[in-house]
Structure formats: structure tokens, C-alpha cells
Amino acid sequence: MLIKNTRILGLRLMVAFSVLLPLSSHLSADQKVPQVQAANTSISWDVGHGVKMAFVLIQPGTFMMGSDVDGHDQPVHKVTLTKPFYMGQFEVTQAQWKEVTGQNPSSFRDGPDADRRPVETVSWADIQTNFMPKLADRLPKGLIPRLPTEAEWEYCCRAGSTTLYCFGDDVEQLSEYAWYDANSGKTTHPVGEKKPNAWGLYDMHGNVWEWCSDWKEDYKPMEVTDPVGPPTGVYRANRGGTWYMNHIYSRSARRSLNEPNTTRGGNLGFRVIVTEK
């Protein structure tokens, strides 16, 4: 489906290119599922009172999901994503949550840089009921915000890489990209202070765990297209690692899980995907 009213988008989005085209128009006719993402396009818009959210256009593609490093992430399997989407360039911040909901549930909300830190102490249900519907009202007509699937999240985290981290396998380099137990000082940090990955996304490793939309289940050894997880379950997936855990949990393929309705903590945040209806 296409974004039909590009005039409204042009008025409401601060875009990094001259004319905003429908998501599908960024694909060539003979390359609907490229193996490697094309050049990034970023956009941002004001969600109220000058508070902006930034996104990066992610092209569809195919990648190898999972890892053989430990049993949590096995088996490695081929995943194809067939539709473009916009991925949040940063984790959702306290300023953005406050602007959209009028509240701030975060544990780390003191200090002059609190607004730029990721919002945390939010459950999966809090995000779905208190944030996403209100954010949708502030987006151009025809666009829907949601949590990423696990496949979309890992695809974006890897950014074309096949290594343990988006930058390679050398743990000594992780501090350049992530806040984790070795360098965080036992606290969250403002988003975007570390290096981005190759697709211009920040804090995909570390800072806070990020909720995904999927119910968590074991991978299956088969190729899948646009996976969304099982229809029911007990736990929802989390990705990316966190400020208080070691490097193992920040790997691109590492999976975690939490009960979605009541689990909240200073290590649980999220980022937003935007797609077309």
C-alpha cells in the first residue's frame, strides 16, 4: 500500500530529502527484495512542542537470523523481509514519552540530561495502550507506529553484518557502540552518544532492553518470510542488552523475554517502527 497524501507528509515531516515518496517507491521494479540495503534516508517530525522523533528508512532484504554461540539464539535461519519501513533512529526518550502521554514512569529521571535518556520502567502493555495510540494521532494520516518484530529488530541491528555485533566480533570495541556493565556507571545514558551502526541507528547494543512485538518462541530450522511470532504466548521478546548486563547480552542475535503486562524496570525501554496502513 502507498502513502496517498504526500502533500500532508511534506507539510508535517521535516525530511532529509527534497520530496517524500511512498515507501514502496524507494524500490526498483526488478529489486523488490535486495540483499543489501540501499543508502539510508532519514526523516523526523515534531510530536508536539518541538519534541521530535527521528527515523531511518529501512529497505527490505534477506539475512541470516540467530546465532550458534548459545542455545538461546539457535538455529541460524534465513529470513526475508519484503516491505520497507521506518525504524526509530534512537530509543524512545523520556521527553518523547512525556510529550505523548503526559507522564514519566522512568527510574532515571533526575538530572539535566534526563529528557534525552531512554524512557524505561514501561511494560509491553504500557507501550501498547498508553503510548502507541496517542502517537498515532500525531502522525500523518496513513502511517501506523508499532513495536518492531524480532526479525525487523535483528535485521536493523545487524545492518548487513553477520558477526556477533554490528561492527564485528571484537568485544574490545563494544564500548564505542554501547552502554553496558563495563562502562555505564550503573545507569542509563542519553541516546545517541555512542557510534551508530552502518545504517545510522544508535544504541542497538546496550543502554536498555527493547521490547519487540513478538511472543517469544524457539526458532525453527527453515526459511521464513516476514515472521511475526506465534499468535499467543506467555512472554514477549526483548532485544539489545542493557546498561547493567555484560557484553554477552548485547550481541545482535541475543534474545531475552519478559512477561508483557506487569514487568517494568529501569532496564526496559523500546523504539518505534512506522509503517503504512
Protein backbone atom coordinates (compact mmCIF):
# COMPACT_ATOMS: atom_id res chain seq x y z
CA MET A 1 0.00 0.00 0.00
CA LEU A 2 1.15 3.52 -0.73
CA ILE A 3 1.16 6.74 1.22
CA LYS A 4 -1.50 8.58 -0.76
CA ASN A 5 -1.20 12.12 0.59
CA THR A 6 2.41 13.14 0.15
CA ARG A 7 1.37 16.79 0.38
CA ILE A 8 0.36 16.34 4.02
CA LEU A 9 3.59 14.46 4.67
CA GLY A 10 5.55 17.25 3.09
CA LEU A 11 3.91 19.73 5.44
CA ARG A 12 4.29 17.70 8.62
CA LEU A 13 7.60 15.91 8.21
CA MET A 14 11.00 17.51 8.34
CA VAL A 15 12.60 15.37 5.68
CA ALA A 16 16.21 14.93 4.73
CA PHE A 17 15.40 14.83 1.02
CA SER A 18 13.55 17.16 -1.29
CA VAL A 19 10.38 15.15 -1.98
CA LEU A 20 8.98 12.44 0.28
CA LEU A 21 7.94 9.46 -1.82
CA PRO A 22 5.85 6.44 -0.78
CA LEU A 23 7.87 3.76 0.99
CA SER A 24 7.45 1.34 -1.89
CA SER A 25 8.74 3.87 -4.42
CA HIS A 26 12.24 3.55 -2.97
CA LEU A 27 12.47 0.06 -4.53
CA SER A 28 13.37 -0.58 -8.14
CA ALA A 29 11.00 -2.65 -10.26
CA ASP A 30 13.45 -5.56 -10.53
CA GLN A 31 14.74 -5.49 -6.95
CA LYS A 32 11.83 -5.74 -4.55
CA VAL A 33 13.91 -7.76 -2.07
CA PRO A 34 17.53 -6.57 -2.26
CA GLN A 35 20.17 -8.47 -0.29
CA VAL A 36 21.82 -5.27 0.92
CA GLN A 37 20.04 -2.10 1.96
CA ALA A 38 20.36 0.96 -0.26
CA ALA A 39 21.54 4.34 1.01
CA ASN A 40 19.75 5.48 4.13
CA THR A 41 17.07 8.13 4.11
CA SER A 42 16.20 9.73 7.43
CA ILE A 43 13.16 11.74 8.45
CA SER A 44 11.92 13.36 11.63
CA TRP A 45 8.74 15.02 12.77
CA ASP A 46 7.52 17.09 15.63
CA VAL A 47 5.23 15.20 18.04
CA GLY A 48 4.41 18.34 19.98
CA HIS A 49 6.04 21.45 21.49
CA GLY A 50 9.21 21.00 19.47
CA VAL A 51 9.84 17.41 20.60
CA LYS A 52 10.94 15.45 17.53
CA MET A 53 11.29 11.78 16.68
CA ALA A 54 13.80 10.65 14.05
CA PHE A 55 13.52 7.59 11.82
CA VAL A 56 15.62 5.83 9.19
CA LEU A 57 14.11 4.25 6.07
CA ILE A 58 14.92 0.53 6.06
CA GLN A 59 14.75 -1.28 2.74
CA PRO A 60 13.55 -4.90 2.57
CA GLY A 61 16.10 -7.69 2.31
CA THR A 62 17.24 -11.15 3.33
CA PHE A 63 19.56 -12.01 6.22
CA MET A 64 20.62 -14.87 8.47
CA MET A 65 18.88 -14.55 11.83
CA GLY A 66 20.12 -16.09 15.07
CA SER A 67 23.47 -17.41 16.23
CA ASP A 68 25.17 -20.69 17.07
CA VAL A 69 27.01 -19.11 20.01
CA ASP A 70 24.49 -20.41 22.56
CA GLY A 71 21.16 -22.17 22.69
CA HIS A 72 19.08 -19.04 23.21
CA ASP A 73 19.54 -17.93 19.60
CA GLN A 74 19.59 -21.20 17.62
CA PRO A 75 19.22 -22.30 14.93
CA VAL A 76 20.54 -19.78 12.43
CA HIS A 77 17.92 -19.45 9.71
CA LYS A 78 17.21 -17.33 6.64
CA VAL A 79 14.68 -14.54 7.00
CA THR A 80 13.27 -12.36 4.22
CA LEU A 81 11.54 -9.05 4.91
CA THR A 82 9.52 -7.90 1.93
CA LYS A 83 8.31 -4.43 2.93
CA PRO A 84 10.17 -1.18 3.67
CA PHE A 85 9.62 0.55 6.98
CA TYR A 86 10.95 3.39 9.11
CA MET A 87 12.93 2.35 12.18
CA GLY A 88 13.42 4.69 15.12
CA GLN A 89 16.92 6.10 14.89
CA PHE A 90 17.06 6.21 18.69
CA GLU A 91 15.37 4.56 21.62
CA VAL A 92 12.26 6.46 22.70
CA THR A 93 13.33 9.15 25.16
CA GLN A 94 11.78 10.41 28.34
CA ALA A 95 10.98 13.72 26.63
CA GLN A 96 9.11 11.92 23.85
CA TRP A 97 7.15 9.73 26.25
CA LYS A 98 6.22 12.75 28.40
CA GLU A 99 5.10 14.77 25.40
CA VAL A 100 2.91 11.97 24.06
CA THR A 101 1.47 10.64 27.35
CA GLY A 102 1.87 13.49 29.84
CA GLN A 103 3.71 11.21 32.27
CA ASN A 104 7.21 9.94 33.01
CA PRO A 105 7.49 6.49 34.62
CA SER A 106 11.30 6.32 34.35
CA SER A 107 13.57 5.35 37.21
CA PHE A 108 16.44 7.52 35.92
CA ARG A 109 14.53 10.78 35.55
CA ASP A 110 16.67 13.12 37.67
CA GLY A 111 19.38 15.38 36.31
CA PRO A 112 19.74 17.86 33.46
CA ASP A 113 20.07 15.18 30.78
CA ALA A 114 17.05 13.09 31.83
CA ASP A 115 14.90 14.15 28.86
CA ARG A 116 17.50 12.72 26.48
CA ARG A 117 17.76 9.40 28.27
CA PRO A 118 15.63 6.45 27.13
CA VAL A 119 12.28 6.07 28.80
CA GLU A 120 12.21 2.89 30.91
CA THR A 121 10.15 1.20 33.58
CA VAL A 122 7.49 0.62 30.91
CA SER A 123 5.78 -2.70 30.28
CA TRP A 124 4.88 -4.01 26.84
CA ALA A 125 1.24 -3.32 27.71
CA ASP A 126 2.03 0.26 28.79
CA ILE A 127 3.52 0.91 25.37
CA GLN A 128 0.60 -0.60 23.50
CA THR A 129 -2.17 1.09 25.48
CA ASN A 130 -0.67 4.38 26.65
CA PHE A 131 1.86 5.40 24.00
CA MET A 132 1.19 3.95 20.55
CA PRO A 133 -2.44 5.09 20.13
CA LYS A 134 -1.58 8.63 21.23
CA LEU A 135 1.48 8.74 19.00
CA ALA A 136 -0.63 7.55 16.05
CA ASP A 137 -2.83 10.62 16.46
CA ARG A 138 0.25 12.81 15.92
CA LEU A 139 1.45 11.09 12.75
CA PRO A 140 0.43 11.89 9.18
CA LYS A 141 -2.68 10.05 8.08
CA GLY A 142 -1.94 6.58 6.76
CA LEU A 143 1.07 5.90 8.99
CA ILE A 144 0.99 3.48 11.91
CA PRO A 145 3.52 3.29 14.79
CA ARG A 146 4.24 -0.06 16.38
CA LEU A 147 6.94 -2.14 18.04
CA PRO A 148 9.33 -3.98 15.72
CA THR A 149 9.15 -7.71 15.29
CA GLU A 150 12.19 -9.64 16.44
CA ALA A 151 13.16 -10.18 12.81
CA GLU A 152 12.89 -6.49 11.97
CA TRP A 153 14.86 -5.60 15.08
CA GLU A 154 17.73 -8.01 14.39
CA TYR A 155 17.83 -7.06 10.71
CA CYS A 156 18.24 -3.42 11.72
CA CYS A 157 20.76 -4.18 14.45
CA ARG A 158 22.96 -6.22 12.13
CA ALA A 159 22.81 -3.60 9.37
CA GLY A 160 24.27 -6.06 6.89
CA SER A 161 26.72 -7.68 9.30
CA THR A 162 26.99 -11.39 10.10
CA THR A 163 29.21 -11.00 13.17
CA LEU A 164 28.47 -11.02 16.91
CA TYR A 165 27.98 -7.25 16.91
CA CYS A 166 27.16 -4.79 14.16
CA PHE A 167 30.83 -3.78 13.97
CA GLY A 168 32.46 -7.22 14.17
CA ASP A 169 33.45 -9.78 16.81
CA ASP A 170 35.93 -7.77 18.89
CA VAL A 171 34.39 -7.19 22.33
CA GLU A 172 37.03 -4.52 22.99
CA GLN A 173 35.21 -2.27 20.51
CA LEU A 174 31.81 -2.63 22.17
CA SER A 175 32.32 0.42 24.38
CA GLU A 176 32.40 2.56 21.24
CA TYR A 177 28.84 1.49 20.39
CA ALA A 178 27.11 0.53 23.63
CA TRP A 179 26.45 1.34 27.26
CA TYR A 180 26.75 -1.91 29.22
CA ASP A 181 28.04 -3.02 32.61
CA ALA A 182 31.68 -2.29 31.82
CA ASN A 183 31.19 1.41 31.07
CA SER A 184 27.69 2.56 32.08
CA GLY A 185 28.34 3.50 35.69
CA LYS A 186 25.17 1.59 36.60
CA THR A 187 22.81 3.98 34.87
CA THR A 188 21.19 4.73 31.53
CA HIS A 189 22.69 7.38 29.26
CA PRO A 190 21.30 9.90 26.77
CA VAL A 191 20.55 8.28 23.44
CA GLY A 192 22.89 8.78 20.50
CA GLU A 193 26.13 9.31 22.44
CA LYS A 194 27.82 6.20 21.03
CA LYS A 195 28.63 5.31 17.43
CA PRO A 196 25.74 4.32 15.15
CA ASN A 197 25.71 1.13 13.13
CA ALA A 198 26.15 1.11 9.35
CA TRP A 199 22.51 2.07 8.81
CA GLY A 200 22.64 5.08 11.10
CA LEU A 201 20.84 3.51 14.08
CA TYR A 202 22.07 4.28 17.61
CA ASP A 203 22.11 2.23 20.82
CA MET A 204 21.05 -1.01 19.15
CA HIS A 205 23.56 -2.55 21.55
CA GLY A 206 23.13 -1.76 25.25
CA ASN A 207 21.54 1.11 27.21
CA VAL A 208 18.10 -0.51 27.70
CA TRP A 209 16.46 -3.72 26.60
CA GLU A 210 13.98 -3.00 23.82
CA TRP A 211 10.54 -4.57 23.73
CA CYS A 212 9.56 -6.33 20.49
CA SER A 213 6.06 -7.20 19.35
CA ASP A 214 6.53 -10.99 19.22
CA TRP A 215 5.54 -13.61 21.71
CA LYS A 216 8.82 -15.46 22.22
CA GLU A 217 9.19 -18.97 20.82
CA ASP A 218 12.07 -21.19 19.74
CA TYR A 219 13.34 -20.69 16.20
CA LYS A 220 12.72 -23.35 13.61
CA PRO A 221 15.35 -24.53 11.06
CA MET A 222 13.58 -23.22 7.99
CA GLU A 223 13.47 -20.12 5.82
CA VAL A 224 10.71 -17.68 6.77
CA THR A 225 9.23 -14.54 5.26
CA ASP A 226 8.02 -11.57 7.32
CA PRO A 227 7.80 -13.56 10.58
CA VAL A 228 5.68 -12.05 13.38
CA GLY A 229 5.95 -14.73 16.07
CA PRO A 230 3.23 -17.04 17.39
CA PRO A 231 -0.36 -15.82 17.94
CA THR A 232 -0.25 -16.50 21.69
CA GLY A 233 2.32 -16.99 24.40
CA VAL A 234 3.47 -16.17 27.90
CA TYR A 235 6.46 -13.86 27.36
CA ARG A 236 7.27 -11.10 24.89
CA ALA A 237 10.73 -10.73 23.40
CA ASN A 238 13.34 -8.14 24.39
CA ARG A 239 16.44 -7.26 22.40
CA GLY A 240 19.70 -5.33 22.59
CA GLY A 241 21.08 -5.80 26.09
CA THR A 242 21.20 -3.21 28.83
CA TRP A 243 23.34 -0.90 30.93
CA TYR A 244 23.73 -3.35 33.82
CA MET A 245 24.48 -6.61 31.94
CA ASN A 246 27.67 -7.80 30.31
CA HIS A 247 28.70 -7.92 26.66
CA ILE A 248 27.09 -11.30 26.00
CA TYR A 249 23.61 -9.80 26.29
CA SER A 250 24.39 -7.03 23.80
CA ARG A 251 25.05 -9.36 20.86
CA SER A 252 22.97 -8.77 17.74
CA ALA A 253 21.30 -12.18 17.98
CA ARG A 254 20.83 -12.35 21.75
CA ARG A 255 17.23 -12.84 22.88
CA SER A 256 15.57 -12.17 26.21
CA LEU A 257 11.98 -12.28 27.41
CA ASN A 258 9.63 -10.76 29.96
CA GLU A 259 6.00 -11.01 30.97
CA PRO A 260 4.32 -8.22 28.99
CA ASN A 261 1.62 -6.92 31.31
CA THR A 262 3.34 -6.35 34.63
CA THR A 263 7.10 -6.41 34.04
CA ARG A 264 8.65 -2.96 34.35
CA GLY A 265 12.15 -1.89 35.29
CA GLY A 266 14.89 0.64 34.80
CA ASN A 267 16.36 -1.60 32.11
CA LEU A 268 13.27 -1.95 29.88
CA GLY A 269 12.60 0.53 27.07
CA PHE A 270 11.76 0.42 23.36
CA ARG A 271 11.98 2.04 19.95
CA VAL A 272 9.26 2.59 17.37
CA ILE A 273 8.72 1.37 13.82
CA VAL A 274 6.45 3.30 11.45
CA THR A 275 4.69 1.54 8.58
CA GLU A 276 1.83 2.24 6.20
CA LYS A 277 -1.71 1.00 6.83
